[in-house]
Amino acid sequence: MELPEIVEAALGEDVGSGDATTLATVDAAARARATITQKAPGVVFGLDAAEATFAQLDPAAAFERLSPEGVWQEPGTQVLRIDGSARALLSGERVALNLLQRLSGVATMTARYVRAVEGTGVQILDTRKTTPGLRTLEKAAVRAGGGTNHRTGLYDAILIKENHIAAAGGIAAAIERARGSYPDLALEVEVRNPDEIEQALAAGAPRLLLDNMDPGRLRAAVEQVAGRAELEASGGITLETVRAHAVEGLHFISVGALTHSAPALDLSLILEPLP
């Protein structure tokens, strides 16, 4: 989904047939200024979504960005100022903050992981474990936090996992069929032990996903592969353990928690009437 569709759907869900409280208490001609402020440390991302929310309700709204996206900032940082219809600002507040807090949370979680592996040469990747309908925005938030996007969906890369291998009749058969059907797509194979690593390498896999391996097993896998394929680690790697998993010779660590478990970044919106 594109941003205008996402915002329209979110406003339709929240505002519905009309914001009863605002319609009852605020004059149609009233104008106001809203200021969004960061209340917790982290990386803000999603200002386009916040602005699009208010703009759908008041096309004449004026926006002033008060701090940059994609940069670690501390509590008290003012983020965005909006001048416009008081009714529009009040009716759009929750949707704008929901989107901005969600995307900033993803960017912040990503930045924490990226900081944790700084200096190792390992890149932090996202996964497809995203909020339905928000994948494009959440993957952009990962980039804002310093991470790298894995495949966008099932259509732009091949990742052969254990269930594909079982259904295809083995690693070599799965790779052969994938190469024959989609020769131009990037290909990666999930492996769980030294035997599967050798099978994947023998079949010409250019990239291996090392599944649920502790740091010791990752080091052994790096030694076994000896530069013959790119290596990605995944599975159960937390912010507390990611540094230990970023062993020398590993290229990537993919983390589903960047998107499926990121807490929202705390932001507030304060409204002041304008003459």
Protein backbone atom coordinates (compact mmCIF):
# COMPACT_ATOMS: atom_id res chain seq x y z
CA MET A 1 0.00 0.00 0.00
CA GLU A 2 1.13 3.53 -0.74
CA LEU A 3 1.19 6.22 1.95
CA PRO A 4 -2.01 8.07 0.87
CA GLU A 5 -3.95 4.79 0.95
CA ILE A 6 -2.57 3.89 4.37
CA VAL A 7 -3.47 7.29 5.80
CA GLU A 8 -6.93 7.25 4.24
CA ALA A 9 -7.66 3.80 5.67
CA ALA A 10 -6.36 4.78 9.11
CA LEU A 11 -8.43 7.97 9.19
CA GLY A 12 -11.49 6.08 8.00
CA GLU A 13 -11.06 3.61 10.83
CA ASP A 14 -10.60 6.30 13.49
CA VAL A 15 -12.70 9.26 12.35
CA GLY A 16 -15.43 7.23 10.71
CA SER A 17 -18.55 9.32 10.10
CA GLY A 18 -17.06 12.24 12.05
CA ASP A 19 -15.08 13.21 15.14
CA ALA A 20 -18.07 13.78 17.40
CA THR A 21 -16.14 15.40 20.25
CA THR A 22 -14.30 17.87 18.04
CA LEU A 23 -17.35 18.70 15.91
CA ALA A 24 -19.33 19.43 19.08
CA THR A 25 -16.73 21.54 20.88
CA VAL A 26 -14.56 23.31 18.29
CA ASP A 27 -15.71 26.01 15.85
CA ALA A 28 -15.27 25.18 12.17
CA ALA A 29 -13.25 28.37 11.60
CA ALA A 30 -10.90 27.88 14.57
CA ARG A 31 -7.20 27.64 13.81
CA ALA A 32 -4.42 26.20 15.93
CA ARG A 33 -0.77 25.23 16.07
CA ALA A 34 0.32 21.73 17.05
CA THR A 35 3.85 20.84 18.14
CA ILE A 36 5.07 17.26 18.29
CA THR A 37 7.86 16.63 20.80
CA GLN A 38 10.03 13.60 21.47
CA LYS A 39 9.64 12.24 25.03
CA ALA A 40 12.10 9.35 24.89
CA PRO A 41 15.57 8.89 23.37
CA GLY A 42 15.62 7.45 19.88
CA VAL A 43 15.44 7.96 16.13
CA VAL A 44 12.44 9.78 14.69
CA PHE A 45 11.09 8.61 11.36
CA GLY A 46 7.70 8.97 9.72
CA LEU A 47 7.23 12.71 9.32
CA ASP A 48 5.86 12.16 5.81
CA ALA A 49 3.13 9.98 7.31
CA ALA A 50 2.28 12.51 10.01
CA GLU A 51 2.14 15.36 7.51
CA ALA A 52 0.04 13.31 5.09
CA THR A 53 -2.48 12.63 7.86
CA PHE A 54 -3.07 16.29 8.64
CA ALA A 55 -2.96 17.26 4.97
CA GLN A 56 -5.80 14.88 4.14
CA LEU A 57 -7.94 16.65 6.73
CA ASP A 58 -6.70 20.17 5.93
CA PRO A 59 -5.00 20.57 2.54
CA ALA A 60 -3.98 24.11 3.55
CA ALA A 61 -2.07 22.99 6.65
CA ALA A 62 1.48 24.35 6.92
CA PHE A 63 4.35 22.19 8.22
CA GLU A 64 7.72 23.01 9.75
CA ARG A 65 10.15 20.20 10.48
CA LEU A 66 12.05 21.09 13.63
CA SER A 67 14.60 18.27 13.69
CA PRO A 68 15.95 15.73 11.18
CA GLU A 69 14.82 12.17 10.69
CA GLY A 70 17.24 9.27 11.00
CA VAL A 71 19.32 10.85 13.77
CA TRP A 72 19.50 9.76 17.42
CA GLN A 73 17.92 12.49 19.56
CA GLU A 74 17.13 12.98 23.23
CA PRO A 75 13.87 13.67 25.08
CA GLY A 76 12.58 17.21 24.72
CA THR A 77 13.51 17.51 21.05
CA GLN A 78 10.76 19.26 19.10
CA VAL A 79 10.05 17.32 15.93
CA LEU A 80 7.26 18.90 13.89
CA ARG A 81 5.07 21.99 13.97
CA ILE A 82 1.74 22.18 12.13
CA ASP A 83 -0.46 25.24 11.62
CA GLY A 84 -3.96 24.61 10.37
CA SER A 85 -7.59 23.97 11.12
CA ALA A 86 -8.04 23.17 14.81
CA ARG A 87 -10.59 20.53 13.89
CA ALA A 88 -8.17 18.85 11.50
CA LEU A 89 -5.36 18.86 14.03
CA LEU A 90 -7.53 17.32 16.72
CA SER A 91 -9.11 14.72 14.45
CA GLY A 92 -5.78 13.68 12.91
CA GLU A 93 -3.75 13.67 16.12
CA ARG A 94 -4.10 10.00 17.02
CA VAL A 95 -3.52 8.61 13.53
CA ALA A 96 -0.53 10.90 12.95
CA LEU A 97 1.04 9.94 16.27
CA ASN A 98 0.28 6.23 15.81
CA LEU A 99 2.13 6.17 12.50
CA LEU A 100 4.97 8.41 13.66
CA GLN A 101 5.48 6.54 16.94
CA ARG A 102 5.36 3.14 15.24
CA LEU A 103 7.86 4.03 12.53
CA SER A 104 10.13 5.86 14.98
CA GLY A 105 10.05 2.77 17.19
CA VAL A 106 11.26 0.60 14.30
CA ALA A 107 14.00 3.11 13.45
CA THR A 108 15.07 3.27 17.10
CA MET A 109 15.16 -0.51 17.55
CA THR A 110 17.22 -0.81 14.38
CA ALA A 111 19.63 1.87 15.53
CA ARG A 112 20.18 0.01 18.81
CA TYR A 113 21.10 -3.19 16.94
CA VAL A 114 23.34 -1.31 14.51
CA ARG A 115 25.15 0.35 17.42
CA ALA A 116 25.59 -3.02 19.12
CA VAL A 117 27.56 -4.48 16.18
CA GLU A 118 29.48 -1.32 15.30
CA GLY A 119 33.01 -2.09 14.15
CA THR A 120 32.36 -5.75 13.31
CA GLY A 121 31.51 -5.24 9.63
CA VAL A 122 28.24 -7.13 10.07
CA GLN A 123 25.11 -5.56 8.56
CA ILE A 124 21.76 -5.69 10.38
CA LEU A 125 18.90 -6.87 8.15
CA ASP A 126 15.15 -6.77 8.57
CA THR A 127 12.74 -9.58 7.64
CA ARG A 128 9.21 -9.99 6.25
CA LYS A 129 7.79 -9.95 9.80
CA THR A 130 6.13 -6.59 9.26
CA THR A 131 2.73 -5.10 10.04
CA PRO A 132 0.32 -5.99 7.21
CA GLY A 133 -0.06 -2.99 4.92
CA LEU A 134 2.88 -1.12 6.45
CA ARG A 135 5.82 -3.06 5.00
CA THR A 136 7.06 -0.28 2.72
CA LEU A 137 6.98 2.25 5.57
CA GLU A 138 8.53 -0.10 8.12
CA LYS A 139 11.35 -1.10 5.80
CA ALA A 140 12.03 2.60 5.17
CA ALA A 141 12.17 3.03 8.97
CA VAL A 142 14.77 0.25 9.16
CA ARG A 143 16.93 2.14 6.67
CA ALA A 144 16.47 5.35 8.68
CA GLY A 145 17.82 3.51 11.72
CA GLY A 146 20.94 2.42 9.83
CA GLY A 147 19.81 -1.08 8.93
CA THR A 148 19.66 -2.82 5.56
CA ASN A 149 16.58 -4.23 3.90
CA HIS A 150 16.36 -7.94 3.17
CA ARG A 151 14.00 -9.00 0.37
CA THR A 152 10.83 -6.96 0.09
CA GLY A 153 8.53 -9.93 -0.42
CA LEU A 154 8.28 -13.39 -1.89
CA TYR A 155 8.72 -12.07 -5.42
CA ASP A 156 12.09 -10.29 -5.48
CA ALA A 157 14.47 -12.94 -4.11
CA ILE A 158 14.59 -16.68 -3.44
CA LEU A 159 15.07 -17.92 0.11
CA ILE A 160 14.93 -21.70 0.28
CA LYS A 161 14.00 -22.76 3.80
CA GLU A 162 13.64 -26.17 5.42
CA ASN A 163 10.02 -26.66 4.35
CA HIS A 164 10.89 -25.84 0.73
CA ILE A 165 13.77 -28.30 0.93
CA ALA A 166 11.50 -31.03 2.29
CA ALA A 167 8.87 -30.39 -0.39
CA ALA A 168 11.43 -30.26 -3.22
CA GLY A 169 13.23 -33.45 -2.23
CA GLY A 170 16.47 -32.01 -0.92
CA ILE A 171 18.77 -29.01 -1.02
CA ALA A 172 20.33 -29.73 -4.40
CA ALA A 173 16.94 -30.32 -6.04
CA ALA A 174 15.49 -27.14 -4.55
CA ILE A 175 18.43 -25.03 -5.78
CA GLU A 176 18.33 -26.58 -9.25
CA ARG A 177 14.61 -25.91 -9.61
CA ALA A 178 14.90 -22.37 -8.29
CA ARG A 179 17.76 -21.55 -10.65
CA GLY A 180 15.85 -23.01 -13.57
CA SER A 181 12.70 -21.03 -12.84
CA TYR A 182 14.14 -17.69 -11.69
CA PRO A 183 17.76 -17.45 -12.87
CA ASP A 184 17.95 -13.68 -12.36
CA LEU A 185 16.80 -13.56 -8.72
CA ALA A 186 19.18 -13.53 -5.76
CA LEU A 187 19.24 -16.94 -4.07
CA GLU A 188 19.83 -17.92 -0.45
CA VAL A 189 19.52 -21.28 1.32
CA GLU A 190 18.74 -21.93 4.97
CA VAL A 191 21.12 -24.44 6.56
CA ARG A 192 21.19 -25.90 10.06
CA ASN A 193 24.33 -28.04 10.29
CA PRO A 194 27.68 -28.81 8.58
CA ASP A 195 26.17 -31.44 6.28
CA GLU A 196 23.55 -29.01 4.94
CA ILE A 197 26.24 -26.37 4.50
CA GLU A 198 28.26 -28.74 2.31
CA GLN A 199 25.18 -29.71 0.28
CA ALA A 200 24.29 -26.08 -0.36
CA LEU A 201 27.85 -25.16 -1.32
CA ALA A 202 28.13 -28.16 -3.64
CA ALA A 203 24.93 -27.06 -5.37
CA GLY A 204 26.32 -23.56 -5.91
CA ALA A 205 24.38 -21.55 -3.33
CA PRO A 206 25.88 -18.04 -3.23
CA ARG A 207 24.47 -17.19 0.19
CA LEU A 208 23.67 -19.25 3.26
CA LEU A 209 21.26 -18.48 6.10
CA LEU A 210 22.77 -20.01 9.23
CA ASP A 211 19.70 -20.87 11.27
CA ASN A 212 19.65 -20.73 15.08
CA MET A 213 23.39 -21.14 15.57
CA ASP A 214 25.19 -19.96 18.68
CA PRO A 215 28.45 -17.99 18.30
CA GLY A 216 30.60 -21.11 18.49
CA ARG A 217 28.68 -22.84 15.70
CA LEU A 218 28.75 -19.65 13.65
CA ARG A 219 32.54 -19.49 13.89
CA ALA A 220 32.74 -23.14 12.81
CA ALA A 221 30.44 -22.43 9.87
CA VAL A 222 32.57 -19.46 8.79
CA GLU A 223 35.64 -21.69 8.85
CA GLN A 224 33.88 -24.45 6.92
CA VAL A 225 32.58 -22.11 4.21
CA ALA A 226 35.98 -20.42 3.88
CA GLY A 227 34.71 -17.55 1.76
CA ARG A 228 32.76 -19.67 -0.75
CA ALA A 229 29.44 -17.94 0.03
CA GLU A 230 28.00 -14.95 1.84
CA LEU A 231 26.80 -15.78 5.34
CA GLU A 232 23.77 -14.56 7.26
CA ALA A 233 22.86 -15.54 10.81
CA SER A 234 19.28 -15.54 12.07
CA GLY A 235 17.09 -16.94 14.79
CA GLY A 236 16.75 -15.96 18.43
CA ILE A 237 19.38 -13.20 18.32
CA THR A 238 18.55 -10.46 20.82
CA LEU A 239 19.93 -7.01 21.44
CA GLU A 240 21.88 -8.47 24.36
CA THR A 241 23.43 -11.28 22.30
CA VAL A 242 23.82 -9.74 18.85
CA ARG A 243 27.39 -8.55 19.46
CA ALA A 244 28.51 -12.06 20.36
CA HIS A 245 26.87 -13.45 17.24
CA ALA A 246 28.62 -10.92 14.98
CA VAL A 247 31.61 -13.21 14.53
CA GLU A 248 34.45 -12.46 12.15
CA GLY A 249 33.64 -13.60 8.63
CA LEU A 250 29.87 -13.23 9.02
CA HIS A 251 28.26 -10.74 6.64
CA PHE A 252 24.69 -10.26 7.91
CA ILE A 253 22.44 -10.77 10.91
CA SER A 254 18.69 -10.68 10.24
CA VAL A 255 16.39 -9.70 13.10
CA GLY A 256 12.62 -10.06 13.00
CA ALA A 257 12.30 -8.03 16.18
CA LEU A 258 13.19 -4.84 14.30
CA THR A 259 9.62 -4.76 13.04
CA HIS A 260 7.57 -7.29 14.98
CA SER A 261 8.66 -6.29 18.48
CA ALA A 262 9.77 -2.65 18.31
CA PRO A 263 8.10 -0.56 21.03
CA ALA A 264 6.59 2.74 19.93
CA LEU A 265 8.75 5.81 20.53
CA ASP A 266 7.01 8.12 22.99
CA LEU A 267 5.96 11.40 21.35
CA SER A 268 3.47 14.06 22.42
CA LEU A 269 1.37 16.62 20.55
CA ILE A 270 0.46 19.89 22.25
CA LEU A 271 -2.14 22.19 20.70
CA GLU A 272 -2.33 25.96 21.11
CA PRO A 273 -5.06 28.14 19.60
CA LEU A 274 -4.14 30.73 16.99
CA PRO A 275 -5.91 34.09 16.66
